[in-house]
Amino acid sequence: MRNYELIYISKPDLNDQDIGTLRSDVQNIITQLDGVVDKEDAWGKRQLAFEVKDFTEGIYTLVELKFPPGNPGKLKDKLKIDERIIRYMVTSREIRKSNSKE
C-alpha cells in the first residue's frame, strides 16, 4: 500500500447534508477500491484562485489515504463523473520518519 492525498473541491451551493453524503460516497469509493482512509480534514468554503465551471468558491476537503499501486487512476475515473465535485487532485504522499536522537 502506498500513501496518497486526495483534495477535492465540491460545489459551494451544497447544503450540510449533501456535503456529508458526498464525503461518505468518496470514502465508500476508496474502500471499494481496496483503499484505506487515514484522515479526512474539511477545510470548508474558500475562494478559488480562478473560476472553475462558473464557480468562484468551493468547499475543500483533504483526505489522506492508502492505496495499492494503480488504484489512484481508478479513483480519478470515479471522481470525474461526480457532478458534485468541480475539481480534484490525487498526489503521492511521502511519510517522513524523524531521525531525532533521544
Protein backbone atom coordinates (compact mmCIF):
# COMPACT_ATOMS: atom_id res chain seq x y z
CA MET A 1 0.00 0.00 0.00
CA ARG A 2 1.21 3.47 -0.85
CA ASN A 3 0.28 6.76 0.80
CA TYR A 4 -1.71 9.35 -1.15
CA GLU A 5 -3.51 12.63 -0.59
CA LEU A 6 -6.77 13.48 -2.27
CA ILE A 7 -8.02 17.02 -2.24
CA TYR A 8 -11.35 17.72 -3.83
CA ILE A 9 -13.46 20.83 -4.23
CA SER A 10 -17.21 20.44 -4.22
CA LYS A 11 -19.85 22.88 -5.40
CA PRO A 12 -20.35 25.78 -2.96
CA ASP A 13 -24.15 25.55 -3.06
CA LEU A 14 -24.30 22.10 -1.40
CA ASN A 15 -26.01 22.02 2.00
CA ASP A 16 -24.52 20.29 5.05
CA GLN A 17 -26.43 17.06 4.42
CA ASP A 18 -25.27 16.93 0.78
CA ILE A 19 -21.66 17.53 1.85
CA GLY A 20 -21.90 14.71 4.40
CA THR A 21 -23.33 12.39 1.76
CA LEU A 22 -20.56 13.32 -0.68
CA ARG A 23 -17.84 12.67 1.91
CA SER A 24 -19.41 9.30 2.70
CA ASP A 25 -19.62 8.46 -1.01
CA VAL A 26 -15.94 9.33 -1.54
CA GLN A 27 -14.93 7.17 1.43
CA ASN A 28 -17.02 4.30 0.06
CA ILE A 29 -15.33 4.60 -3.34
CA ILE A 30 -11.92 4.47 -1.65
CA THR A 31 -12.79 1.34 0.34
CA GLN A 32 -14.36 -0.34 -2.73
CA LEU A 33 -11.01 0.15 -4.48
CA ASP A 34 -9.19 -1.60 -1.60
CA GLY A 35 -8.05 1.69 -0.10
CA VAL A 36 -7.96 2.86 3.50
CA VAL A 37 -8.83 6.39 4.67
CA ASP A 38 -6.27 7.52 7.27
CA LYS A 39 -7.61 11.02 7.88
CA GLU A 40 -10.16 13.45 6.50
CA ASP A 41 -9.94 17.18 7.01
CA ALA A 42 -12.79 19.51 6.00
CA TRP A 43 -11.35 22.92 5.13
CA GLY A 44 -14.73 24.49 4.43
CA LYS A 45 -15.77 27.04 1.83
CA ARG A 46 -12.96 29.06 0.28
CA GLN A 47 -12.42 31.41 -2.60
CA LEU A 48 -11.00 29.76 -5.73
CA ALA A 49 -7.86 31.18 -7.31
CA PHE A 50 -9.67 31.23 -10.65
CA GLU A 51 -13.15 30.43 -11.88
CA VAL A 52 -13.88 26.72 -12.33
CA LYS A 53 -17.07 25.58 -14.09
CA ASP A 54 -18.64 29.02 -13.43
CA PHE A 55 -17.87 28.85 -9.68
CA THR A 56 -15.69 31.32 -7.79
CA GLU A 57 -15.95 29.45 -4.45
CA GLY A 58 -15.79 25.81 -3.45
CA ILE A 59 -15.88 23.53 -0.42
CA TYR A 60 -12.46 21.96 0.12
CA THR A 61 -11.83 18.53 1.64
CA LEU A 62 -8.46 16.83 2.16
CA VAL A 63 -8.27 13.04 2.52
CA GLU A 64 -5.11 11.11 3.45
CA LEU A 65 -5.37 7.52 2.26
CA LYS A 66 -3.53 4.33 1.38
CA PHE A 67 -3.99 2.52 -1.92
CA PRO A 68 -2.43 -0.38 -3.78
CA PRO A 69 -0.40 0.89 -6.75
CA GLY A 70 -2.58 1.58 -9.79
CA ASN A 71 -5.79 2.34 -7.90
CA PRO A 72 -5.45 6.16 -7.84
CA GLY A 73 -6.29 6.15 -11.54
CA LYS A 74 -9.48 4.23 -10.83
CA LEU A 75 -10.36 6.74 -8.11
CA LYS A 76 -9.86 9.62 -10.55
CA ASP A 77 -12.20 7.93 -13.03
CA LYS A 78 -14.95 7.74 -10.38
CA LEU A 79 -14.46 11.34 -9.17
CA LYS A 80 -14.51 12.66 -12.73
CA ILE A 81 -18.14 11.65 -13.23
CA ASP A 82 -19.45 13.01 -9.90
CA GLU A 83 -21.27 16.26 -10.68
CA ARG A 84 -20.94 17.49 -7.09
CA ILE A 85 -17.13 17.71 -7.44
CA ILE A 86 -15.78 20.59 -9.51
CA ARG A 87 -12.04 19.84 -9.13
CA TYR A 88 -9.86 17.14 -7.55
CA MET A 89 -6.23 16.10 -7.30
CA VAL A 90 -4.60 12.87 -6.11
CA THR A 91 -0.91 13.02 -5.20
CA SER A 92 1.59 10.61 -3.73
CA ARG A 93 2.44 11.38 -0.12
CA GLU A 94 5.82 10.63 1.40
CA ILE A 95 5.87 9.73 5.08
CA ARG A 96 8.94 11.16 6.75
CA LYS A 97 10.38 9.48 9.76
CA SER A 98 12.18 11.67 12.24
CA ASN A 99 15.85 10.89 12.81
CA SER A 100 16.00 12.66 16.13
CA LYS A 101 18.17 11.10 18.81
CA GLU A 102 16.83 10.93 22.32
